[in-house]
Structures are given as C-alpha cells and as structure tokens.
C-alpha atoms as a PDB file:
ATOM      1  CA  MET A   1     128.026 135.736 113.554  1.00  0.00           C
ATOM      2  CA  ALA A   2     129.423 132.468 112.190  1.00  0.00           C
ATOM      3  CA  ASN A   3     132.123 134.413 110.337  1.00  0.00           C
ATOM      4  CA  GLN A   4     133.245 136.065 113.584  1.00  0.00           C
ATOM      5  CA  GLU A   5     133.498 132.674 115.293  1.00  0.00           C
ATOM      6  CA  PHE A   6     135.504 131.322 112.368  1.00  0.00           C
ATOM      7  CA  VAL A   7     137.917 134.264 112.441  1.00  0.00           C
ATOM      8  CA  ARG A   8     138.272 133.819 116.217  1.00  0.00           C
ATOM      9  CA  SER A   9     139.116 130.137 115.712  1.00  0.00           C
ATOM     10  CA  ILE A  10     141.876 131.086 113.255  1.00  0.00           C
ATOM     11  CA  ALA A  11     143.161 133.707 115.713  1.00  0.00           C
ATOM     12  CA  SER A  12     143.130 131.087 118.473  1.00  0.00           C
ATOM     13  CA  ASP A  13     145.157 128.682 116.333  1.00  0.00           C
ATOM     14  CA  VAL A  14     147.615 131.455 115.422  1.00  0.00           C
ATOM     15  CA  THR A  15     148.074 132.368 119.082  1.00  0.00           C
ATOM     16  CA  LYS A  16     148.600 128.731 120.031  1.00  0.00           C
ATOM     17  CA  GLU A  17     151.249 128.214 117.345  1.00  0.00           C
ATOM     18  CA  LEU A  18     153.105 131.400 118.235  1.00  0.00           C
ATOM     19  CA  PHE A  19     153.212 130.710 121.960  1.00  0.00           C
ATOM     20  CA  GLU A  20     153.250 126.910 122.125  1.00  0.00           C
ATOM     21  CA  GLY A  21     154.941 125.977 118.854  1.00  0.00           C
ATOM     22  CA  GLY A  22     153.334 124.566 115.759  1.00  0.00           C
ATOM     23  CA  ALA A  23     152.581 120.986 114.876  1.00  0.00           C
ATOM     24  CA  ASP A  24     155.884 120.661 113.031  1.00  0.00           C
ATOM     25  CA  SER A  25     157.981 122.846 115.332  1.00  0.00           C
ATOM     26  CA  GLY A  26     159.914 119.978 116.894  1.00  0.00           C
ATOM     27  CA  ASN A  27     162.320 117.507 115.353  1.00  0.00           C
ATOM     28  CA  TRP A  28     162.461 113.851 116.285  1.00  0.00           C
ATOM     29  CA  GLY A  29     159.476 113.984 118.582  1.00  0.00           C
ATOM     30  CA  HIS A  30     160.465 116.801 120.948  1.00  0.00           C
ATOM     31  CA  LYS A  31     157.857 119.450 121.703  1.00  0.00           C
ATOM     32  CA  GLY A  32     159.435 122.260 119.706  1.00  0.00           C
ATOM     33  CA  ARG A  33     159.938 125.945 120.370  1.00  0.00           C
ATOM     34  CA  PRO A  34     157.204 128.561 120.599  1.00  0.00           C
ATOM     35  CA  GLY A  35     156.796 130.525 117.388  1.00  0.00           C
ATOM     36  CA  HIS A  36     159.166 128.269 115.483  1.00  0.00           C
ATOM     37  CA  ARG A  37     158.970 125.284 113.268  1.00  0.00           C
ATOM     38  CA  GLY A  38     161.508 122.825 112.063  1.00  0.00           C
ATOM     39  CA  GLY A  39     161.947 119.503 110.408  1.00  0.00           C
ATOM     40  CA  SER A  40     161.474 118.620 106.796  1.00  0.00           C
ATOM     41  CA  GLU A  41     158.310 118.813 104.797  1.00  0.00           C
ATOM     42  CA  PRO A  42     157.478 116.249 102.166  1.00  0.00           C
ATOM     43  CA  LYS A  43     157.879 117.253  98.537  1.00  0.00           C
ATOM     44  CA  GLY A  44     154.817 119.011  97.232  1.00  0.00           C
ATOM     45  CA  SER A  45     153.514 119.800 100.710  1.00  0.00           C
ATOM     46  CA  GLY A  46     152.338 123.213  99.579  1.00  0.00           C
ATOM     47  CA  SER A  47     154.857 125.397 101.371  1.00  0.00           C
ATOM     48  CA  GLY A  48     156.431 126.682  98.182  1.00  0.00           C
ATOM     49  CA  LYS A  49     159.210 124.096  98.367  1.00  0.00           C
ATOM     50  CA  GLY A  50     159.195 121.026  96.187  1.00  0.00           C
ATOM     51  CA  GLY A  51     156.719 120.066  93.481  1.00  0.00           C
ATOM     52  CA  ILE A  52     154.129 122.727  92.735  1.00  0.00           C
ATOM     53  CA  ILE A  53     151.104 121.560  90.798  1.00  0.00           C
ATOM     54  CA  ALA A  54     150.190 123.496  87.652  1.00  0.00           C
ATOM     55  CA  HIS A  55     147.014 125.408  88.469  1.00  0.00           C
ATOM     56  CA  VAL A  56     144.956 126.013  85.353  1.00  0.00           C
ATOM     57  CA  VAL A  57     141.766 127.891  86.202  1.00  0.00           C
ATOM     58  CA  LYS A  58     140.116 127.509  82.814  1.00  0.00           C
ATOM     59  CA  GLU A  59     141.387 126.769  79.347  1.00  0.00           C
ATOM     60  CA  GLY A  60     144.351 129.010  78.602  1.00  0.00           C
ATOM     61  CA  VAL A  61     144.212 130.826  81.967  1.00  0.00           C
ATOM     62  CA  HIS A  62     146.721 130.023  84.716  1.00  0.00           C
ATOM     63  CA  ALA A  63     146.014 130.869  88.350  1.00  0.00           C
ATOM     64  CA  SER A  64     149.089 133.135  88.478  1.00  0.00           C
ATOM     65  CA  THR A  65     147.271 135.711  86.326  1.00  0.00           C
ATOM     66  CA  PHE A  66     145.067 136.515  89.345  1.00  0.00           C
ATOM     67  CA  TYR A  67     148.018 137.821  91.395  1.00  0.00           C
ATOM     68  CA  ASP A  68     149.959 141.065  91.161  1.00  0.00           C
ATOM     69  CA  LYS A  69     153.763 141.332  91.253  1.00  0.00           C
ATOM     70  CA  SER A  70     153.850 141.442  95.065  1.00  0.00           C
ATOM     71  CA  GLY A  71     151.700 138.310  95.378  1.00  0.00           C
ATOM     72  CA  GLY A  72     148.484 140.144  96.223  1.00  0.00           C
ATOM     73  CA  LEU A  73     145.224 138.755  94.904  1.00  0.00           C
ATOM     74  CA  LYS A  74     143.537 140.773  92.144  1.00  0.00           C
ATOM     75  CA  ILE A  75     140.147 140.784  93.858  1.00  0.00           C
ATOM     76  CA  SER A  76     138.058 142.323  91.053  1.00  0.00           C
ATOM     77  CA  GLU A  77     139.105 139.567  88.635  1.00  0.00           C
ATOM     78  CA  TYR A  78     138.962 136.856  91.303  1.00  0.00           C
ATOM     79  CA  LYS A  79     135.323 137.678  92.174  1.00  0.00           C
ATOM     80  CA  LYS A  80     134.246 136.753  88.619  1.00  0.00           C
ATOM     81  CA  LEU A  81     135.308 133.110  89.094  1.00  0.00           C
ATOM     82  CA  THR A  82     133.270 130.087  90.147  1.00  0.00           C
ATOM     83  CA  ASP A  83     133.861 128.646  93.623  1.00  0.00           C
ATOM     84  CA  ASN A  84     136.009 125.803  92.207  1.00  0.00           C
ATOM     85  CA  GLN A  85     138.066 128.258  90.165  1.00  0.00           C
ATOM     86  CA  LYS A  86     138.534 130.472  93.237  1.00  0.00           C
ATOM     87  CA  THR A  87     139.812 127.475  95.206  1.00  0.00           C
ATOM     88  CA  THR A  88     142.311 126.695  92.417  1.00  0.00           C
ATOM     89  CA  VAL A  89     143.560 130.292  92.389  1.00  0.00           C
ATOM     90  CA  LEU A  90     143.943 130.361  96.178  1.00  0.00           C
ATOM     91  CA  LYS A  91     145.791 127.016  96.241  1.00  0.00           C
ATOM     92  CA  HIS A  92     148.213 128.367  93.654  1.00  0.00           C
ATOM     93  CA  GLY A  93     148.862 131.498  95.716  1.00  0.00           C
ATOM     94  CA  VAL A  94     149.583 129.512  98.861  1.00  0.00           C
ATOM     95  CA  GLN A  95     151.682 126.816  97.188  1.00  0.00           C
ATOM     96  CA  SER A  96     153.824 129.189  95.132  1.00  0.00           C
ATOM     97  CA  TYR A  97     154.818 131.344  98.129  1.00  0.00           C
ATOM     98  CA  LYS A  98     158.437 131.146  99.294  1.00  0.00           C
ATOM     99  CA  GLU A  99     159.014 132.192 102.880  1.00  0.00           C
ATOM    100  CA  LYS A 100     160.944 135.433 103.330  1.00  0.00           C
ATOM    101  CA  TYR A 101     162.209 135.025 106.899  1.00  0.00           C
ATOM    102  CA  ILE A 102     166.011 135.100 107.089  1.00  0.00           C
ATOM    103  CA  PRO A 103     167.334 132.540 109.605  1.00  0.00           C
ATOM    104  CA  LYS A 104     169.396 133.960 112.476  1.00  0.00           C
ATOM    105  CA  ALA A 105     172.627 132.417 111.167  1.00  0.00           C
ATOM    106  CA  GLN A 106     172.244 134.406 107.925  1.00  0.00           C
ATOM    107  CA  GLN A 107     171.271 137.769 109.424  1.00  0.00           C
ATOM    108  CA  GLY A 108     174.825 139.143 109.545  1.00  0.00           C
ATOM    109  CA  GLY A 109     174.223 141.771 106.851  1.00  0.00           C
ATOM    110  CA  LEU A 110     171.112 143.203 108.494  1.00  0.00           C
ATOM    111  CA  ASP A 111     171.153 146.381 110.542  1.00  0.00           C
ATOM    112  CA  ALA A 112     168.877 146.852 113.595  1.00  0.00           C
ATOM    113  CA  LYS A 113     165.931 147.938 111.404  1.00  0.00           C
ATOM    114  CA  GLY A 114     166.436 144.917 109.161  1.00  0.00           C
ATOM    115  CA  ILE A 115     166.521 142.549 112.137  1.00  0.00           C
ATOM    116  CA  GLU A 116     163.322 144.098 113.532  1.00  0.00           C
ATOM    117  CA  ALA A 117     161.607 143.853 110.128  1.00  0.00           C
ATOM    118  CA  ASN A 118     162.763 140.243 109.824  1.00  0.00           C
ATOM    119  CA  LYS A 119     161.119 139.485 113.195  1.00  0.00           C
ATOM    120  CA  LYS A 120     157.850 140.901 111.820  1.00  0.00           C
ATOM    121  CA  VAL A 121     158.217 138.701 108.749  1.00  0.00           C
ATOM    122  CA  GLY A 122     158.730 135.672 111.001  1.00  0.00           C
ATOM    123  CA  ALA A 123     155.623 136.512 113.034  1.00  0.00           C
ATOM    124  CA  LEU A 124     153.515 137.024 109.898  1.00  0.00           C
ATOM    125  CA  GLU A 125     154.727 133.737 108.450  1.00  0.00           C
ATOM    126  CA  GLY A 126     153.976 131.977 111.746  1.00  0.00           C
ATOM    127  CA  MET A 127     150.419 133.281 111.580  1.00  0.00           C
ATOM    128  CA  ARG A 128     150.231 132.181 107.946  1.00  0.00           C
ATOM    129  CA  ARG A 129     151.260 128.644 108.906  1.00  0.00           C
ATOM    130  CA  ALA A 130     148.572 128.610 111.614  1.00  0.00           C
ATOM    131  CA  ALA A 131     145.931 129.611 109.039  1.00  0.00           C
ATOM    132  CA  LEU A 132     147.175 126.838 106.747  1.00  0.00           C
ATOM    133  CA  ASN A 133     146.987 124.352 109.620  1.00  0.00           C
ATOM    134  CA  LYS A 134     143.381 125.445 110.195  1.00  0.00           C
ATOM    135  CA  ILE A 135     142.618 124.644 106.550  1.00  0.00           C
ATOM    136  CA  LYS A 136     143.440 120.986 107.175  1.00  0.00           C
ATOM    137  CA  SER A 137     140.347 120.689 109.379  1.00  0.00           C
ATOM    138  CA  LEU A 138     137.990 122.318 106.859  1.00  0.00           C
ATOM    139  CA  GLN A 139     136.079 120.845 103.941  1.00  0.00           C
ATOM    140  CA  ALA A 140     138.111 121.491 100.793  1.00  0.00           C
ATOM    141  CA  GLY A 141     136.518 124.131  98.606  1.00  0.00           C
ATOM    142  CA  SER A 142     134.037 125.323 101.256  1.00  0.00           C
ATOM    143  CA  LYS A 143     133.505 129.001 101.969  1.00  0.00           C
ATOM    144  CA  GLU A 144     135.414 128.638 105.281  1.00  0.00           C
ATOM    145  CA  TYR A 145     138.274 126.885 103.462  1.00  0.00           C
ATOM    146  CA  ARG A 146     138.560 129.770 101.014  1.00  0.00           C
ATOM    147  CA  ALA A 147     138.327 132.317 103.853  1.00  0.00           C
ATOM    148  CA  ALA A 148     141.262 130.660 105.642  1.00  0.00           C
ATOM    149  CA  MET A 149     143.208 130.648 102.363  1.00  0.00           C
ATOM    150  CA  HIS A 150     142.476 134.382 102.018  1.00  0.00           C
ATOM    151  CA  VAL A 151     143.902 134.923 105.509  1.00  0.00           C
ATOM    152  CA  ALA A 152     147.069 132.995 104.580  1.00  0.00           C
ATOM    153  CA  ILE A 153     147.489 134.948 101.330  1.00  0.00           C
ATOM    154  CA  SER A 154     146.953 138.287 103.089  1.00  0.00           C
ATOM    155  CA  LEU A 155     149.605 137.381 105.652  1.00  0.00           C
ATOM    156  CA  GLN A 156     152.105 136.239 103.032  1.00  0.00           C
ATOM    157  CA  THR A 157     151.494 139.401 100.987  1.00  0.00           C
ATOM    158  CA  ARG A 158     152.169 141.533 104.075  1.00  0.00           C
ATOM    159  CA  ALA A 159     155.289 139.462 104.896  1.00  0.00           C
ATOM    160  CA  THR A 160     156.549 140.043 101.345  1.00  0.00           C
ATOM    161  CA  GLN A 161     155.986 143.804 101.679  1.00  0.00           C
ATOM    162  CA  VAL A 162     157.890 143.936 104.994  1.00  0.00           C
ATOM    163  CA  ALA A 163     160.705 141.746 103.614  1.00  0.00           C
ATOM    164  CA  ASN A 164     161.012 143.919 100.519  1.00  0.00           C
ATOM    165  CA  SER A 165     161.216 147.056 102.661  1.00  0.00           C
ATOM    166  CA  PHE A 166     164.197 145.793 104.651  1.00  0.00           C
ATOM    167  CA  LYS A 167     165.882 144.346 101.572  1.00  0.00           C
ATOM    168  CA  GLN A 168     165.623 147.764  99.928  1.00  0.00           C
ATOM    169  CA  SER A 169     166.942 149.542 103.026  1.00  0.00           C
ATOM    170  CA  THR A 170     169.915 147.163 103.317  1.00  0.00           C
ATOM    171  CA  ALA A 171     170.608 147.605  99.591  1.00  0.00           C
ATOM    172  CA  LYS A 172     170.609 151.409 100.057  1.00  0.00           C
ATOM    173  CA  VAL A 173     172.960 151.059 103.036  1.00  0.00           C
ATOM    174  CA  ALA A 174     175.277 148.836 100.982  1.00  0.00           C
ATOM    175  CA  VAL A 175     175.307 151.325  98.084  1.00  0.00           C
ATOM    176  CA  ALA A 176     175.930 154.255 100.462  1.00  0.00           C
ATOM    177  CA  SER A 177     178.725 152.345 102.236  1.00  0.00           C
ATOM    178  CA  SER A 178     180.322 151.456  98.921  1.00  0.00           C
ATOM    179  CA  ALA A 179     180.136 155.083  97.725  1.00  0.00           C
ATOM    180  CA  ALA A 180     181.616 156.332 101.012  1.00  0.00           C
ATOM    181  CA  ALA A 181     184.469 153.822 100.734  1.00  0.00           C
ATOM    182  CA  LYS A 182     185.261 154.912  97.169  1.00  0.00           C
ATOM    183  CA  THR A 183     185.200 158.583  98.208  1.00  0.00           C
ATOM    184  CA  ALA A 184     187.597 157.826 101.074  1.00  0.00           C
ATOM    185  CA  GLU A 185     189.953 156.000  98.695  1.00  0.00           C
ATOM    186  CA  ARG A 186     190.130 159.047  96.398  1.00  0.00           C
ATOM    187  CA  GLN A 187     190.850 161.561  99.139  1.00  0.00           C
ATOM    188  CA  PRO A 188     194.570 161.939  99.863  1.00  0.00           C
ATOM    189  CA  GLY A 189     195.684 161.617 103.453  1.00  0.00           C
ATOM    190  CA  THR A 190     192.872 159.353 104.645  1.00  0.00           C
END
C-alpha cells in the first residue's frame, strides 16, 4: 500500500511539472512554461552536464558495468549488490545521462515522425526530471530514494530508445535521399 502511495506521489509531481512547469523552468524569477525548463544548472548538478563523480561500486568495479549499451540497468547483476552499492550504481546512471531532446531551433532535419518522436522524448525527460525532483525530498539511500531513481532510469532508457528510433529513421531518409539524388544525376535528360 505504501508503495502505491509513493508511486502516486511521483506521478503527481510529474503531472505538476508537465502542466505547471518545473522548479527550474523559468529564468530570472519568472514562473516558467508548462512542460519546459530553462536556466543554467551548476556544474556537477547530476544532469549529465558538468563534473560527473567517479562511481566505484567495489574495488575494481565501476558502476557503469551494471548498465547495458542503451543505458538500461542489468537487473540480475544489480540485485546482488548491497543497498549502498545499489545507490552508487543508480546515481551513476542518473548522472551520466545526457538528454536526447532536440530543441525546436535544431529540428530542421526532422520529418513529421521525427518531430513526433522528439515530443515523446521531451515528455519522457520531463517526467524524469520530476522523479529526480522527488528524490530531493527523500532520505538518501532509502528504499524510496532508490525506487525514485529506478523510475528516472526507466524513463531515460525509454527516452533513449525513442530518440534512437527517430535518429535511425532520419539517417535512413538521408541515405535514401542521397541515393535518389545520385541516381537522378546519372540519368540523362533529368
């Protein structure tokens, strides 16, 4: 029952951030825009920008070894760790993530499917930020803290999958367009 209430509280925070704007969605004191964030984050703030702390889980084992190539947590290996080691692994996953959303000004090369996928990435990353904001109110290393970190990592893994799908589709479109252009160049009278 307590787990359901905790998940509901994260969902409530996510909804609030998406519709009312997050804590850092406004610059210079203005309220901000729903579903957006702005401003600068301090170095090492844990967003994947700036100074990332080296996360050694145990002697000779870095936290990165508990993640697959797409950033997903290797659960079977993770479950073998102590609570403190789990927290270290989760912190690494959150802090090493680089957001995938492409800002509107840079979306020129995206087709309609790419723009739609990018919107999904933005929504997933907004929910991720809400989960990370929830973490600030929790006792570091507690079960609830780790659960919120799991939510953030799941959302960033899904955002990466969506971003990779539209990057692959735009790459295929670019290759097809390039091949069509070369074919047209070779055909006389076109």
